[in-house]
Amino acid sequence: MSYDEKRILQIFETNEIPTVSDETLEIYIEYIKKNIICPCVLTGIESMGYFSWEERYSFGYGNK
């Protein structure tokens, strides 16, 4: 089991990673609200498409 999978199980207090649903998203956002310390540095994996929105805001119509 990967480190990320263990973290997810801990957040949801379950033995299996739940499917994405409105309910699980609500649980996760509440976890983030309670546990994030601002300011913070956010990271992601570009090859997975997490930043596909970034280019249009940096170079395209979104930068206006």
PDB file of N, CA and C in Angstrom:
ATOM      1  N   MET A   1       0.845  -1.175   0.000  1.00  0.00           N
ATOM      2  CA  MET A   1       0.000   0.000   0.000  1.00  0.00           C
ATOM      3  C   MET A   1       0.892   1.241   0.000  1.00  0.00           C
ATOM      4  N   SER A   2       0.558   2.187  -0.853  1.00  0.00           N
ATOM      5  CA  SER A   2       1.376   3.391  -0.980  1.00  0.00           C
ATOM      6  C   SER A   2       1.123   4.354   0.182  1.00  0.00           C
ATOM      7  N   TYR A   3       2.026   5.298   0.330  1.00  0.00           N
ATOM      8  CA  TYR A   3       1.899   6.331   1.355  1.00  0.00           C
ATOM      9  C   TYR A   3       0.598   7.112   1.171  1.00  0.00           C
ATOM     10  N   ASP A   4       0.294   7.480  -0.078  1.00  0.00           N
ATOM     11  CA  ASP A   4      -0.927   8.242  -0.354  1.00  0.00           C
ATOM     12  C   ASP A   4      -2.180   7.438  -0.016  1.00  0.00           C
ATOM     13  N   GLU A   5      -2.175   6.149  -0.331  1.00  0.00           N
ATOM     14  CA  GLU A   5      -3.327   5.310   0.002  1.00  0.00           C
ATOM     15  C   GLU A   5      -3.542   5.244   1.512  1.00  0.00           C
ATOM     16  N   LYS A   6      -2.469   5.142   2.261  1.00  0.00           N
ATOM     17  CA  LYS A   6      -2.573   5.112   3.724  1.00  0.00           C
ATOM     18  C   LYS A   6      -3.148   6.419   4.255  1.00  0.00           C
ATOM     19  N   ARG A   7      -2.714   7.546   3.676  1.00  0.00           N
ATOM     20  CA  ARG A   7      -3.245   8.851   4.098  1.00  0.00           C
ATOM     21  C   ARG A   7      -4.737   8.947   3.817  1.00  0.00           C
ATOM     22  N   ILE A   8      -5.167   8.468   2.660  1.00  0.00           N
ATOM     23  CA  ILE A   8      -6.583   8.516   2.299  1.00  0.00           C
ATOM     24  C   ILE A   8      -7.409   7.669   3.260  1.00  0.00           C
ATOM     25  N   LEU A   9      -6.929   6.479   3.566  1.00  0.00           N
ATOM     26  CA  LEU A   9      -7.640   5.611   4.507  1.00  0.00           C
ATOM     27  C   LEU A   9      -7.761   6.262   5.878  1.00  0.00           C
ATOM     28  N   GLN A  10      -6.725   6.944   6.294  1.00  0.00           N
ATOM     29  CA  GLN A  10      -6.743   7.617   7.589  1.00  0.00           C
ATOM     30  C   GLN A  10      -7.768   8.755   7.599  1.00  0.00           C
ATOM     31  N   ILE A  11      -7.837   9.506   6.528  1.00  0.00           N
ATOM     32  CA  ILE A  11      -8.786  10.621   6.441  1.00  0.00           C
ATOM     33  C   ILE A  11     -10.225  10.119   6.521  1.00  0.00           C
ATOM     34  N   PHE A  12     -10.520   9.034   5.809  1.00  0.00           N
ATOM     35  CA  PHE A  12     -11.887   8.524   5.750  1.00  0.00           C
ATOM     36  C   PHE A  12     -12.199   7.505   6.840  1.00  0.00           C
ATOM     37  N   GLU A  13     -11.180   7.153   7.633  1.00  0.00           N
ATOM     38  CA  GLU A  13     -11.350   6.202   8.733  1.00  0.00           C
ATOM     39  C   GLU A  13     -12.044   4.931   8.267  1.00  0.00           C
ATOM     40  N   THR A  14     -11.467   4.330   7.222  1.00  0.00           N
ATOM     41  CA  THR A  14     -12.039   3.129   6.636  1.00  0.00           C
ATOM     42  C   THR A  14     -10.927   2.181   6.220  1.00  0.00           C
ATOM     43  N   ASN A  15     -11.288   0.963   5.854  1.00  0.00           N
ATOM     44  CA  ASN A  15     -10.303  -0.029   5.417  1.00  0.00           C
ATOM     45  C   ASN A  15     -10.157  -0.073   3.905  1.00  0.00           C
ATOM     46  N   GLU A  16     -11.066   0.593   3.192  1.00  0.00           N
ATOM     47  CA  GLU A  16     -11.019   0.636   1.730  1.00  0.00           C
ATOM     48  C   GLU A  16     -11.134   2.084   1.270  1.00  0.00           C
ATOM     49  N   ILE A  17     -10.443   2.399   0.203  1.00  0.00           N
ATOM     50  CA  ILE A  17     -10.534   3.748  -0.357  1.00  0.00           C
ATOM     51  C   ILE A  17     -11.920   3.911  -0.980  1.00  0.00           C
ATOM     52  N   PRO A  18     -12.663   4.926  -0.542  1.00  0.00           N
ATOM     53  CA  PRO A  18     -14.020   5.097  -1.066  1.00  0.00           C
ATOM     54  C   PRO A  18     -14.011   5.638  -2.492  1.00  0.00           C
ATOM     55  N   THR A  19     -15.110   5.412  -3.187  1.00  0.00           N
ATOM     56  CA  THR A  19     -15.255   5.987  -4.516  1.00  0.00           C
ATOM     57  C   THR A  19     -15.547   7.477  -4.371  1.00  0.00           C
ATOM     58  N   VAL A  20     -15.268   8.217  -5.414  1.00  0.00           N
ATOM     59  CA  VAL A  20     -15.519   9.659  -5.397  1.00  0.00           C
ATOM     60  C   VAL A  20     -17.023   9.890  -5.533  1.00  0.00           C
ATOM     61  N   SER A  21     -17.563  10.642  -4.611  1.00  0.00           N
ATOM     62  CA  SER A  21     -18.986  10.989  -4.624  1.00  0.00           C
ATOM     63  C   SER A  21     -19.146  12.347  -3.949  1.00  0.00           C
ATOM     64  N   ASP A  22     -20.338  12.895  -4.009  1.00  0.00           N
ATOM     65  CA  ASP A  22     -20.585  14.162  -3.309  1.00  0.00           C
ATOM     66  C   ASP A  22     -20.276  14.017  -1.823  1.00  0.00           C
ATOM     67  N   GLU A  23     -20.662  12.890  -1.249  1.00  0.00           N
ATOM     68  CA  GLU A  23     -20.442  12.657   0.182  1.00  0.00           C
ATOM     69  C   GLU A  23     -18.954  12.588   0.526  1.00  0.00           C
ATOM     70  N   THR A  24     -18.182  11.836  -0.262  1.00  0.00           N
ATOM     71  CA  THR A  24     -16.757  11.718   0.051  1.00  0.00           C
ATOM     72  C   THR A  24     -16.024  13.031  -0.208  1.00  0.00           C
ATOM     73  N   LEU A  25     -16.451  13.781  -1.210  1.00  0.00           N
ATOM     74  CA  LEU A  25     -15.839  15.089  -1.456  1.00  0.00           C
ATOM     75  C   LEU A  25     -16.116  16.050  -0.305  1.00  0.00           C
ATOM     76  N   GLU A  26     -17.306  15.984   0.262  1.00  0.00           N
ATOM     77  CA  GLU A  26     -17.632  16.828   1.418  1.00  0.00           C
ATOM     78  C   GLU A  26     -16.767  16.461   2.619  1.00  0.00           C
ATOM     79  N   ILE A  27     -16.573  15.167   2.842  1.00  0.00           N
ATOM     80  CA  ILE A  27     -15.714  14.714   3.942  1.00  0.00           C
ATOM     81  C   ILE A  27     -14.298  15.226   3.732  1.00  0.00           C
ATOM     82  N   TYR A  28     -13.810  15.120   2.504  1.00  0.00           N
ATOM     83  CA  TYR A  28     -12.433  15.519   2.220  1.00  0.00           C
ATOM     84  C   TYR A  28     -12.240  17.029   2.355  1.00  0.00           C
ATOM     85  N   ILE A  29     -13.179  17.825   1.867  1.00  0.00           N
ATOM     86  CA  ILE A  29     -13.022  19.278   1.970  1.00  0.00           C
ATOM     87  C   ILE A  29     -13.082  19.718   3.426  1.00  0.00           C
ATOM     88  N   GLU A  30     -13.895  19.070   4.235  1.00  0.00           N
ATOM     89  CA  GLU A  30     -13.930  19.400   5.661  1.00  0.00           C
ATOM     90  C   GLU A  30     -12.603  19.052   6.324  1.00  0.00           C
ATOM     91  N   TYR A  31     -12.015  17.927   5.923  1.00  0.00           N
ATOM     92  CA  TYR A  31     -10.703  17.542   6.443  1.00  0.00           C
ATOM     93  C   TYR A  31      -9.663  18.609   6.082  1.00  0.00           C
ATOM     94  N   ILE A  32      -9.687  19.043   4.834  1.00  0.00           N
ATOM     95  CA  ILE A  32      -8.731  20.062   4.384  1.00  0.00           C
ATOM     96  C   ILE A  32      -8.931  21.360   5.162  1.00  0.00           C
ATOM     97  N   LYS A  33     -10.170  21.796   5.316  1.00  0.00           N
ATOM     98  CA  LYS A  33     -10.447  23.039   6.042  1.00  0.00           C
ATOM     99  C   LYS A  33      -9.924  22.988   7.471  1.00  0.00           C
ATOM    100  N   LYS A  34     -10.029  21.834   8.107  1.00  0.00           N
ATOM    101  CA  LYS A  34      -9.599  21.694   9.502  1.00  0.00           C
ATOM    102  C   LYS A  34      -8.091  21.537   9.643  1.00  0.00           C
ATOM    103  N   ASN A  35      -7.422  21.035   8.609  1.00  0.00           N
ATOM    104  CA  ASN A  35      -6.022  20.647   8.757  1.00  0.00           C
ATOM    105  C   ASN A  35      -5.010  21.459   7.967  1.00  0.00           C
ATOM    106  N   ILE A  36      -5.446  22.288   7.051  1.00  0.00           N
ATOM    107  CA  ILE A  36      -4.487  23.062   6.264  1.00  0.00           C
ATOM    108  C   ILE A  36      -4.015  24.266   7.077  1.00  0.00           C
ATOM    109  N   ILE A  37      -2.762  24.544   6.984  1.00  0.00           N
ATOM    110  CA  ILE A  37      -2.174  25.689   7.672  1.00  0.00           C
ATOM    111  C   ILE A  37      -1.692  26.664   6.603  1.00  0.00           C
ATOM    112  N   CYS A  38      -2.270  27.852   6.589  1.00  0.00           N
ATOM    113  CA  CYS A  38      -1.926  28.853   5.580  1.00  0.00           C
ATOM    114  C   CYS A  38      -0.939  29.854   6.153  1.00  0.00           C
ATOM    115  N   PRO A  39      -0.045  30.376   5.368  1.00  0.00           N
ATOM    116  CA  PRO A  39       0.143  30.053   3.955  1.00  0.00           C
ATOM    117  C   PRO A  39       0.775  28.676   3.803  1.00  0.00           C
ATOM    118  N   CYS A  40       0.553  28.080   2.654  1.00  0.00           N
ATOM    119  CA  CYS A  40       1.113  26.760   2.392  1.00  0.00           C
ATOM    120  C   CYS A  40       1.568  26.683   0.935  1.00  0.00           C
ATOM    121  N   VAL A  41       2.370  25.697   0.645  1.00  0.00           N
ATOM    122  CA  VAL A  41       2.848  25.454  -0.709  1.00  0.00           C
ATOM    123  C   VAL A  41       2.085  24.253  -1.248  1.00  0.00           C
ATOM    124  N   LEU A  42       1.386  24.431  -2.358  1.00  0.00           N
ATOM    125  CA  LEU A  42       0.652  23.348  -2.987  1.00  0.00           C
ATOM    126  C   LEU A  42       1.461  22.803  -4.145  1.00  0.00           C
ATOM    127  N   THR A  43       1.451  21.501  -4.289  1.00  0.00           N
ATOM    128  CA  THR A  43       2.174  20.860  -5.379  1.00  0.00           C
ATOM    129  C   THR A  43       1.245  19.905  -6.106  1.00  0.00           C
ATOM    130  N   GLY A  44       1.656  19.489  -7.270  1.00  0.00           N
ATOM    131  CA  GLY A  44       0.896  18.526  -8.048  1.00  0.00           C
ATOM    132  C   GLY A  44       1.797  17.872  -9.066  1.00  0.00           C
ATOM    133  N   ILE A  45       1.238  16.943  -9.811  1.00  0.00           N
ATOM    134  CA  ILE A  45       2.007  16.219 -10.815  1.00  0.00           C
ATOM    135  C   ILE A  45       1.525  16.670 -12.190  1.00  0.00           C
ATOM    136  N   GLU A  46       2.362  17.447 -12.879  1.00  0.00           N
ATOM    137  CA  GLU A  46       1.958  18.040 -14.153  1.00  0.00           C
ATOM    138  C   GLU A  46       1.587  16.981 -15.191  1.00  0.00           C
ATOM    139  N   SER A  47       2.303  15.873 -15.233  1.00  0.00           N
ATOM    140  CA  SER A  47       2.041  14.842 -16.237  1.00  0.00           C
ATOM    141  C   SER A  47       0.670  14.194 -16.049  1.00  0.00           C
ATOM    142  N   MET A  48       0.063  14.363 -14.879  1.00  0.00           N
ATOM    143  CA  MET A  48      -1.267  13.801 -14.634  1.00  0.00           C
ATOM    144  C   MET A  48      -2.367  14.791 -15.000  1.00  0.00           C
ATOM    145  N   GLY A  49      -1.984  15.980 -15.476  1.00  0.00           N
ATOM    146  CA  GLY A  49      -2.960  16.951 -15.940  1.00  0.00           C
ATOM    147  C   GLY A  49      -3.516  17.863 -14.868  1.00  0.00           C
ATOM    148  N   TYR A  50      -2.904  17.874 -13.694  1.00  0.00           N
ATOM    149  CA  TYR A  50      -3.407  18.715 -12.612  1.00  0.00           C
ATOM    150  C   TYR A  50      -3.343  20.196 -12.952  1.00  0.00           C
ATOM    151  N   PHE A  51      -2.465  20.577 -13.862  1.00  0.00           N
ATOM    152  CA  PHE A  51      -2.279  21.985 -14.175  1.00  0.00           C
ATOM    153  C   PHE A  51      -2.713  22.322 -15.596  1.00  0.00           C
ATOM    154  N   SER A  52      -3.645  21.569 -16.143  1.00  0.00           N
ATOM    155  CA  SER A  52      -4.085  21.821 -17.516  1.00  0.00           C
ATOM    156  C   SER A  52      -4.733  23.194 -17.663  1.00  0.00           C
ATOM    157  N   TRP A  53      -5.277  23.749 -16.599  1.00  0.00           N
ATOM    158  CA  TRP A  53      -5.899  25.073 -16.609  1.00  0.00           C
ATOM    159  C   TRP A  53      -4.870  26.191 -16.614  1.00  0.00           C
ATOM    160  N   GLU A  54      -3.658  25.908 -16.177  1.00  0.00           N
ATOM    161  CA  GLU A  54      -2.670  26.949 -15.905  1.00  0.00           C
ATOM    162  C   GLU A  54      -2.273  27.748 -17.146  1.00  0.00           C
ATOM    163  N   GLU A  55      -2.098  27.067 -18.260  1.00  0.00           N
ATOM    164  CA  GLU A  55      -1.600  27.738 -19.460  1.00  0.00           C
ATOM    165  C   GLU A  55      -2.551  28.832 -19.937  1.00  0.00           C
ATOM    166  N   ARG A  56      -3.844  28.565 -19.927  1.00  0.00           N
ATOM    167  CA  ARG A  56      -4.784  29.584 -20.422  1.00  0.00           C
ATOM    168  C   ARG A  56      -4.808  30.804 -19.513  1.00  0.00           C
ATOM    169  N   TYR A  57      -4.506  30.627 -18.226  1.00  0.00           N
ATOM    170  CA  TYR A  57      -4.471  31.781 -17.322  1.00  0.00           C
ATOM    171  C   TYR A  57      -3.134  32.503 -17.370  1.00  0.00           C
ATOM    172  N   SER A  58      -2.086  31.808 -17.739  1.00  0.00           N
ATOM    173  CA  SER A  58      -0.773  32.444 -17.841  1.00  0.00           C
ATOM    174  C   SER A  58      -0.562  33.111 -19.191  1.00  0.00           C
ATOM    175  N   PHE A  59      -1.070  32.478 -20.260  1.00  0.00           N
ATOM    176  CA  PHE A  59      -0.766  32.955 -21.609  1.00  0.00           C
ATOM    177  C   PHE A  59      -1.998  33.267 -22.451  1.00  0.00           C
ATOM    178  N   GLY A  60      -3.168  32.820 -22.038  1.00  0.00           N
ATOM    179  CA  GLY A  60      -4.350  32.959 -22.873  1.00  0.00           C
ATOM    180  C   GLY A  60      -5.367  33.927 -22.328  1.00  0.00           C
ATOM    181  N   TYR A  61      -6.625  33.645 -22.649  1.00  0.00           N
ATOM    182  CA  TYR A  61      -7.711  34.553 -22.310  1.00  0.00           C
ATOM    183  C   TYR A  61      -7.903  34.729 -20.803  1.00  0.00           C
ATOM    184  N   GLY A  62      -7.458  33.801 -19.997  1.00  0.00           N
ATOM    185  CA  GLY A  62      -7.682  33.886 -18.560  1.00  0.00           C
ATOM    186  C   GLY A  62      -6.802  34.889 -17.839  1.00  0.00           C
ATOM    187  N   ASN A  63      -5.788  35.444 -18.525  1.00  0.00           N
ATOM    188  CA  ASN A  63      -4.861  36.361 -17.850  1.00  0.00           C
ATOM    189  C   ASN A  63      -5.339  37.804 -17.876  1.00  0.00           C
ATOM    190  N   LYS A  64      -6.509  38.065 -18.376  1.00  0.00           N
ATOM    191  CA  LYS A  64      -7.014  39.436 -18.482  1.00  0.00           C
ATOM    192  C   LYS A  64      -7.914  39.788 -17.323  1.00  0.00           C
TER     193      LYS A  64
END
